Amino acid sequence: MSDLNALIVFAKVVEASSFSEAARRLKMPISTVSRRIADLEDQLGVRLLERSTRSLRLTVEIGIFRRRAASEKLLASITLAKTISAFKSLIIIPIMEI
């Protein structure tokens, strides 16, 4: 399983679109941020970010994963809503006579 701290660092890098800005927000050296991302990529066996001196973007594989995760989350939400609706129809509230 991936180290939760490394995933948090990855999320900050993506959010900031910058290793240096993520490092500032996380209050850690840029080298540590870079090492955590590299370690996470090694552990997962996939490159997470396309890096250049001027830009940073998610790899195609991660973009596909993100879209798939979003669609699965939507599907899970729909399933949950249907389940709740089904249970509501089964709930019978007794009426008390006074």
N, C-alpha and C. Protein backbone atom coordinates (compact mmCIF):
# COMPACT_ATOMS: atom_id res chain seq x y z
N MET A 1 0.84 -1.19 0.00
CA MET A 1 0.00 0.00 0.00
C MET A 1 0.88 1.24 0.00
N SER A 2 0.42 2.27 -0.69
CA SER A 2 1.18 3.50 -0.79
C SER A 2 1.20 4.25 0.53
N ASP A 3 2.28 4.92 0.77
CA ASP A 3 2.42 5.75 1.95
C ASP A 3 1.47 6.94 1.83
N LEU A 4 0.62 7.12 2.82
CA LEU A 4 -0.36 8.20 2.79
C LEU A 4 0.31 9.56 2.66
N ASN A 5 1.45 9.74 3.33
CA ASN A 5 2.16 11.02 3.24
C ASN A 5 2.61 11.31 1.81
N ALA A 6 3.06 10.27 1.11
CA ALA A 6 3.48 10.45 -0.28
C ALA A 6 2.30 10.83 -1.16
N LEU A 7 1.13 10.26 -0.87
CA LEU A 7 -0.07 10.61 -1.63
C LEU A 7 -0.49 12.05 -1.37
N ILE A 8 -0.32 12.49 -0.14
CA ILE A 8 -0.64 13.89 0.21
C ILE A 8 0.31 14.82 -0.53
N VAL A 9 1.59 14.47 -0.56
CA VAL A 9 2.57 15.28 -1.29
C VAL A 9 2.21 15.33 -2.77
N PHE A 10 1.87 14.17 -3.34
CA PHE A 10 1.46 14.12 -4.74
C PHE A 10 0.26 15.03 -5.00
N ALA A 11 -0.75 14.96 -4.14
CA ALA A 11 -1.94 15.79 -4.29
C ALA A 11 -1.59 17.28 -4.24
N LYS A 12 -0.68 17.65 -3.35
CA LYS A 12 -0.26 19.06 -3.24
C LYS A 12 0.49 19.51 -4.49
N VAL A 13 1.33 18.63 -5.03
CA VAL A 13 2.08 18.98 -6.24
C VAL A 13 1.10 19.21 -7.40
N VAL A 14 0.12 18.32 -7.53
CA VAL A 14 -0.88 18.47 -8.59
C VAL A 14 -1.70 19.73 -8.37
N GLU A 15 -2.13 19.96 -7.14
CA GLU A 15 -2.92 21.15 -6.81
C GLU A 15 -2.16 22.44 -7.13
N ALA A 16 -0.87 22.46 -6.79
CA ALA A 16 -0.05 23.66 -6.98
C ALA A 16 0.53 23.76 -8.39
N SER A 17 0.51 22.64 -9.12
CA SER A 17 1.13 22.57 -10.46
C SER A 17 2.61 22.94 -10.40
N SER A 18 3.23 22.64 -9.27
CA SER A 18 4.62 23.03 -9.09
C SER A 18 5.21 22.31 -7.88
N PHE A 19 6.42 21.78 -8.07
CA PHE A 19 7.11 21.15 -6.95
C PHE A 19 7.49 22.20 -5.92
N SER A 20 7.98 23.34 -6.38
CA SER A 20 8.45 24.36 -5.44
C SER A 20 7.29 24.97 -4.64
N GLU A 21 6.17 25.21 -5.29
CA GLU A 21 5.02 25.76 -4.57
C GLU A 21 4.46 24.73 -3.59
N ALA A 22 4.41 23.47 -4.01
CA ALA A 22 3.95 22.41 -3.10
C ALA A 22 4.88 22.32 -1.89
N ALA A 23 6.18 22.42 -2.12
CA ALA A 23 7.15 22.37 -1.03
C ALA A 23 6.91 23.53 -0.05
N ARG A 24 6.64 24.72 -0.59
CA ARG A 24 6.35 25.87 0.28
C ARG A 24 5.10 25.61 1.12
N ARG A 25 4.03 25.13 0.45
CA ARG A 25 2.77 24.87 1.17
C ARG A 25 2.92 23.78 2.22
N LEU A 26 3.75 22.80 1.93
CA LEU A 26 3.96 21.69 2.86
C LEU A 26 5.06 21.97 3.88
N LYS A 27 5.76 23.09 3.68
CA LYS A 27 6.85 23.48 4.57
C LYS A 27 7.92 22.38 4.65
N MET A 28 8.34 21.94 3.45
CA MET A 28 9.41 20.95 3.37
C MET A 28 10.31 21.28 2.18
N PRO A 29 11.53 20.80 2.19
CA PRO A 29 12.45 21.09 1.08
C PRO A 29 11.94 20.51 -0.24
N ILE A 30 12.26 21.20 -1.34
CA ILE A 30 11.88 20.73 -2.67
C ILE A 30 12.44 19.33 -2.92
N SER A 31 13.65 19.08 -2.46
CA SER A 31 14.27 17.77 -2.67
C SER A 31 13.46 16.65 -2.01
N THR A 32 12.86 16.93 -0.86
CA THR A 32 12.03 15.94 -0.18
C THR A 32 10.76 15.67 -0.98
N VAL A 33 10.15 16.74 -1.48
CA VAL A 33 8.94 16.59 -2.31
C VAL A 33 9.26 15.76 -3.54
N SER A 34 10.34 16.09 -4.20
CA SER A 34 10.75 15.36 -5.39
C SER A 34 11.03 13.89 -5.09
N ARG A 35 11.71 13.63 -3.99
CA ARG A 35 12.04 12.26 -3.61
C ARG A 35 10.77 11.47 -3.27
N ARG A 36 9.83 12.09 -2.57
CA ARG A 36 8.57 11.41 -2.23
C ARG A 36 7.79 11.02 -3.49
N ILE A 37 7.77 11.93 -4.47
CA ILE A 37 7.07 11.63 -5.72
C ILE A 37 7.78 10.50 -6.46
N ALA A 38 9.10 10.57 -6.54
CA ALA A 38 9.88 9.52 -7.21
C ALA A 38 9.69 8.17 -6.52
N ASP A 39 9.69 8.15 -5.19
CA ASP A 39 9.48 6.91 -4.44
C ASP A 39 8.08 6.35 -4.69
N LEU A 40 7.08 7.24 -4.74
CA LEU A 40 5.71 6.81 -5.00
C LEU A 40 5.59 6.22 -6.41
N GLU A 41 6.23 6.87 -7.37
CA GLU A 41 6.21 6.35 -8.74
C GLU A 41 6.87 4.97 -8.81
N ASP A 42 7.99 4.82 -8.11
CA ASP A 42 8.67 3.51 -8.06
C ASP A 42 7.78 2.45 -7.43
N GLN A 43 7.14 2.81 -6.33
CA GLN A 43 6.30 1.87 -5.60
C GLN A 43 5.09 1.44 -6.44
N LEU A 44 4.49 2.39 -7.17
CA LEU A 44 3.32 2.09 -7.99
C LEU A 44 3.69 1.49 -9.34
N GLY A 45 4.94 1.70 -9.75
CA GLY A 45 5.39 1.17 -11.03
C GLY A 45 4.85 1.94 -12.22
N VAL A 46 4.53 3.20 -12.01
CA VAL A 46 4.01 4.03 -13.10
C VAL A 46 4.48 5.47 -12.89
N ARG A 47 4.74 6.14 -13.98
CA ARG A 47 5.11 7.55 -13.91
C ARG A 47 3.85 8.36 -13.68
N LEU A 48 3.85 9.22 -12.69
CA LEU A 48 2.67 10.00 -12.33
C LEU A 48 2.63 11.36 -13.01
N LEU A 49 3.81 11.96 -13.17
CA LEU A 49 3.88 13.33 -13.67
C LEU A 49 4.87 13.44 -14.82
N GLU A 50 4.51 14.22 -15.82
CA GLU A 50 5.44 14.60 -16.88
C GLU A 50 6.07 15.91 -16.43
N ARG A 51 7.39 15.91 -16.29
CA ARG A 51 8.09 17.09 -15.78
C ARG A 51 8.99 17.69 -16.85
N SER A 52 9.05 19.00 -16.85
CA SER A 52 10.06 19.71 -17.62
C SER A 52 10.50 20.89 -16.77
N THR A 53 11.44 21.65 -17.25
CA THR A 53 11.91 22.78 -16.45
C THR A 53 10.84 23.86 -16.33
N ARG A 54 9.90 23.88 -17.25
CA ARG A 54 8.87 24.93 -17.25
C ARG A 54 7.46 24.46 -16.96
N SER A 55 7.21 23.15 -17.02
CA SER A 55 5.83 22.71 -16.83
C SER A 55 5.75 21.38 -16.10
N LEU A 56 4.56 21.10 -15.65
CA LEU A 56 4.28 19.88 -14.91
C LEU A 56 2.85 19.48 -15.26
N ARG A 57 2.66 18.21 -15.64
CA ARG A 57 1.30 17.76 -15.93
C ARG A 57 1.19 16.28 -15.62
N LEU A 58 -0.05 15.84 -15.41
CA LEU A 58 -0.30 14.43 -15.15
C LEU A 58 -0.02 13.62 -16.40
N THR A 59 0.48 12.42 -16.21
CA THR A 59 0.69 11.54 -17.36
C THR A 59 -0.65 11.08 -17.90
N VAL A 60 -0.65 10.57 -19.11
CA VAL A 60 -1.87 10.06 -19.74
C VAL A 60 -2.50 8.98 -18.87
N GLU A 61 -1.67 8.07 -18.35
CA GLU A 61 -2.18 6.98 -17.52
C GLU A 61 -2.92 7.50 -16.28
N ILE A 62 -2.37 8.51 -15.66
CA ILE A 62 -3.01 9.06 -14.46
C ILE A 62 -4.29 9.80 -14.83
N GLY A 63 -4.29 10.47 -15.97
CA GLY A 63 -5.52 11.13 -16.45
C GLY A 63 -6.63 10.13 -16.66
N ILE A 64 -6.31 8.98 -17.26
CA ILE A 64 -7.29 7.92 -17.47
C ILE A 64 -7.78 7.39 -16.13
N PHE A 65 -6.84 7.16 -15.21
CA PHE A 65 -7.20 6.67 -13.88
C PHE A 65 -8.14 7.66 -13.18
N ARG A 66 -7.83 8.93 -13.28
CA ARG A 66 -8.65 9.96 -12.64
C ARG A 66 -10.07 9.97 -13.18
N ARG A 67 -10.20 9.89 -14.52
CA ARG A 67 -11.53 9.86 -15.12
C ARG A 67 -12.29 8.60 -14.70
N ARG A 68 -11.58 7.47 -14.66
CA ARG A 68 -12.22 6.22 -14.26
C ARG A 68 -12.67 6.29 -12.80
N ALA A 69 -11.82 6.83 -11.94
CA ALA A 69 -12.18 6.95 -10.53
C ALA A 69 -13.40 7.85 -10.36
N ALA A 70 -13.45 8.93 -11.12
CA ALA A 70 -14.59 9.85 -11.04
C ALA A 70 -15.87 9.16 -11.50
N SER A 71 -15.80 8.38 -12.58
CA SER A 71 -17.00 7.70 -13.07
C SER A 71 -17.44 6.61 -12.09
N GLU A 72 -16.47 5.92 -11.45
CA GLU A 72 -16.82 4.90 -10.47
C GLU A 72 -17.44 5.54 -9.23
N LYS A 73 -16.98 6.73 -8.86
CA LYS A 73 -17.56 7.44 -7.72
C LYS A 73 -19.00 7.84 -8.04
N LEU A 74 -19.23 8.29 -9.26
CA LEU A 74 -20.58 8.64 -9.68
C LEU A 74 -21.48 7.42 -9.64
N LEU A 75 -20.99 6.30 -10.18
CA LEU A 75 -21.76 5.06 -10.18
C LEU A 75 -22.08 4.61 -8.76
N ALA A 76 -21.11 4.72 -7.86
CA ALA A 76 -21.33 4.35 -6.46
C ALA A 76 -22.37 5.26 -5.81
N SER A 77 -22.36 6.54 -6.15
CA SER A 77 -23.35 7.48 -5.60
C SER A 77 -24.75 7.15 -6.09
N ILE A 78 -24.87 6.80 -7.36
CA ILE A 78 -26.18 6.43 -7.92
C ILE A 78 -26.69 5.16 -7.25
N THR A 79 -25.80 4.18 -7.09
CA THR A 79 -26.17 2.92 -6.44
C THR A 79 -26.63 3.16 -5.01
N LEU A 80 -25.92 4.02 -4.29
CA LEU A 80 -26.29 4.34 -2.91
C LEU A 80 -27.66 5.01 -2.87
N ALA A 81 -27.89 5.95 -3.77
CA ALA A 81 -29.18 6.64 -3.80
C ALA A 81 -30.32 5.66 -4.07
N LYS A 82 -30.10 4.72 -4.99
CA LYS A 82 -31.13 3.72 -5.28
C LYS A 82 -31.38 2.83 -4.07
N THR A 83 -30.32 2.46 -3.38
CA THR A 83 -30.44 1.60 -2.20
C THR A 83 -31.22 2.31 -1.11
N ILE A 84 -30.89 3.57 -0.87
CA ILE A 84 -31.60 4.35 0.16
C ILE A 84 -33.07 4.47 -0.21
N SER A 85 -33.34 4.72 -1.48
CA SER A 85 -34.72 4.83 -1.94
C SER A 85 -35.48 3.52 -1.71
N ALA A 86 -34.83 2.41 -2.01
CA ALA A 86 -35.46 1.10 -1.81
C ALA A 86 -35.75 0.86 -0.33
N PHE A 87 -34.82 1.22 0.55
CA PHE A 87 -35.04 1.04 1.98
C PHE A 87 -36.15 1.96 2.50
N LYS A 88 -36.25 3.16 1.97
CA LYS A 88 -37.30 4.07 2.42
C LYS A 88 -38.67 3.48 2.16
N SER A 89 -38.82 2.77 1.04
CA SER A 89 -40.12 2.18 0.73
C SER A 89 -40.43 0.99 1.64
N LEU A 90 -39.41 0.42 2.28
CA LEU A 90 -39.62 -0.72 3.18
C LEU A 90 -39.91 -0.30 4.61
N ILE A 91 -39.58 0.93 4.95
CA ILE A 91 -39.75 1.40 6.33
C ILE A 91 -41.22 1.75 6.57
N ILE A 92 -41.80 1.11 7.57
CA ILE A 92 -43.19 1.37 7.93
C ILE A 92 -43.17 2.00 9.33
N ILE A 93 -43.72 3.17 9.40
CA ILE A 93 -43.76 3.86 10.69
C ILE A 93 -45.10 3.60 11.33
N PRO A 94 -45.10 2.94 12.48
CA PRO A 94 -46.39 2.65 13.14
C PRO A 94 -47.04 3.94 13.65
N ILE A 95 -48.32 3.99 13.49
CA ILE A 95 -49.07 5.16 13.98
C ILE A 95 -49.66 4.79 15.33
N MET A 96 -49.38 5.61 16.31
CA MET A 96 -49.84 5.34 17.66
C MET A 96 -51.18 6.03 17.86
N GLU A 97 -52.10 5.31 18.46
CA GLU A 97 -53.39 5.92 18.79
C GLU A 97 -53.31 6.56 20.15
N ILE A 98 -53.93 7.70 20.25
CA ILE A 98 -53.91 8.41 21.53
C ILE A 98 -55.26 8.38 22.16
